[in-house]
């Protein structure tokens, strides 16, 4: 379950990072900053879910 959440969060983080780069190229600083913050939020969620997945993997039956 946590591995699935981590994969989804990584995809969303990648998507927002690509939007950040595109906005930065176009010179839209406000949109770029918004996308960067969202990207960081999703990458943080990715790291947390990977840690939880590893923790529960060790506790498996």
C-alpha atoms as a PDB file:
ATOM      1  CA  UNK A   1       0.000   0.000   0.000  1.00  0.00           C
ATOM      2  CA  UNK A   2       2.712   2.485   0.936  1.00  0.00           C
ATOM      3  CA  UNK A   3       4.793   1.524  -2.088  1.00  0.00           C
ATOM      4  CA  UNK A   4       1.819   2.330  -4.351  1.00  0.00           C
ATOM      5  CA  UNK A   5       1.375   5.703  -2.639  1.00  0.00           C
ATOM      6  CA  UNK A   6       5.080   6.415  -3.040  1.00  0.00           C
ATOM      7  CA  UNK A   7       4.968   5.636  -6.763  1.00  0.00           C
ATOM      8  CA  UNK A   8       1.969   7.899  -7.246  1.00  0.00           C
ATOM      9  CA  UNK A   9       3.597  10.726  -5.284  1.00  0.00           C
ATOM     10  CA  UNK A  10       6.787  10.433  -7.358  1.00  0.00           C
ATOM     11  CA  UNK A  11       4.816  10.681 -10.613  1.00  0.00           C
ATOM     12  CA  UNK A  12       2.989  13.772  -9.375  1.00  0.00           C
ATOM     13  CA  UNK A  13       6.254  15.297  -8.151  1.00  0.00           C
ATOM     14  CA  UNK A  14       7.835  14.695 -11.557  1.00  0.00           C
ATOM     15  CA  UNK A  15       4.823  16.243 -13.287  1.00  0.00           C
ATOM     16  CA  UNK A  16       4.908  19.396 -11.161  1.00  0.00           C
ATOM     17  CA  UNK A  17       8.679  19.682 -11.557  1.00  0.00           C
ATOM     18  CA  UNK A  18       8.263  19.596 -15.352  1.00  0.00           C
ATOM     19  CA  UNK A  19       5.606  22.317 -15.086  1.00  0.00           C
ATOM     20  CA  UNK A  20       7.988  24.323 -12.884  1.00  0.00           C
ATOM     21  CA  UNK A  21      10.750  24.115 -15.508  1.00  0.00           C
ATOM     22  CA  UNK A  22       8.344  25.080 -18.295  1.00  0.00           C
ATOM     23  CA  UNK A  23       6.986  28.065 -16.334  1.00  0.00           C
ATOM     24  CA  UNK A  24      10.521  29.144 -15.498  1.00  0.00           C
ATOM     25  CA  UNK A  25      11.452  29.106 -19.194  1.00  0.00           C
ATOM     26  CA  UNK A  26       8.400  31.214 -20.025  1.00  0.00           C
ATOM     27  CA  UNK A  27       9.309  33.690 -17.278  1.00  0.00           C
ATOM     28  CA  UNK A  28       6.191  33.160 -15.158  1.00  0.00           C
ATOM     29  CA  UNK A  29       7.818  33.345 -11.731  1.00  0.00           C
ATOM     30  CA  UNK A  30       4.580  33.093  -9.739  1.00  0.00           C
ATOM     31  CA  UNK A  31       3.447  29.911 -11.519  1.00  0.00           C
ATOM     32  CA  UNK A  32       6.969  28.471 -11.351  1.00  0.00           C
ATOM     33  CA  UNK A  33       7.139  29.018  -7.594  1.00  0.00           C
ATOM     34  CA  UNK A  34       3.714  27.407  -7.094  1.00  0.00           C
ATOM     35  CA  UNK A  35       4.717  24.333  -9.116  1.00  0.00           C
ATOM     36  CA  UNK A  36       8.053  24.052  -7.309  1.00  0.00           C
ATOM     37  CA  UNK A  37       6.312  24.021  -3.915  1.00  0.00           C
ATOM     38  CA  UNK A  38       3.858  21.356  -5.095  1.00  0.00           C
ATOM     39  CA  UNK A  39       6.718  19.304  -6.497  1.00  0.00           C
ATOM     40  CA  UNK A  40       8.576  19.469  -3.189  1.00  0.00           C
ATOM     41  CA  UNK A  41       5.415  18.481  -1.309  1.00  0.00           C
ATOM     42  CA  UNK A  42       4.928  15.375  -3.455  1.00  0.00           C
ATOM     43  CA  UNK A  43       8.609  14.391  -3.248  1.00  0.00           C
ATOM     44  CA  UNK A  44       8.402  14.682   0.554  1.00  0.00           C
ATOM     45  CA  UNK A  45       5.364  12.389   0.497  1.00  0.00           C
ATOM     46  CA  UNK A  46       7.310   9.993  -1.692  1.00  0.00           C
ATOM     47  CA  UNK A  47      10.186   9.798   0.789  1.00  0.00           C
ATOM     48  CA  UNK A  48       7.824   9.286   3.740  1.00  0.00           C
ATOM     49  CA  UNK A  49       5.912   6.498   2.017  1.00  0.00           C
ATOM     50  CA  UNK A  50       9.111   4.720   0.968  1.00  0.00           C
ATOM     51  CA  UNK A  51      10.253   4.784   4.594  1.00  0.00           C
ATOM     52  CA  UNK A  52       6.906   3.409   5.766  1.00  0.00           C
ATOM     53  CA  UNK A  53       7.009   0.691   3.114  1.00  0.00           C
ATOM     54  CA  UNK A  54      10.477  -0.377   4.274  1.00  0.00           C
ATOM     55  CA  UNK A  55       9.384  -0.325   7.909  1.00  0.00           C
ATOM     56  CA  UNK A  56       6.351  -2.521   7.264  1.00  0.00           C
ATOM     57  CA  UNK A  57       8.306  -4.805   4.945  1.00  0.00           C
ATOM     58  CA  UNK A  58      10.538  -5.748   7.862  1.00  0.00           C
ATOM     59  CA  UNK A  59       7.474  -6.397  10.035  1.00  0.00           C
ATOM     60  CA  UNK A  60       5.720  -8.631   7.498  1.00  0.00           C
ATOM     61  CA  UNK A  61       4.281 -11.925   8.592  1.00  0.00           C
END
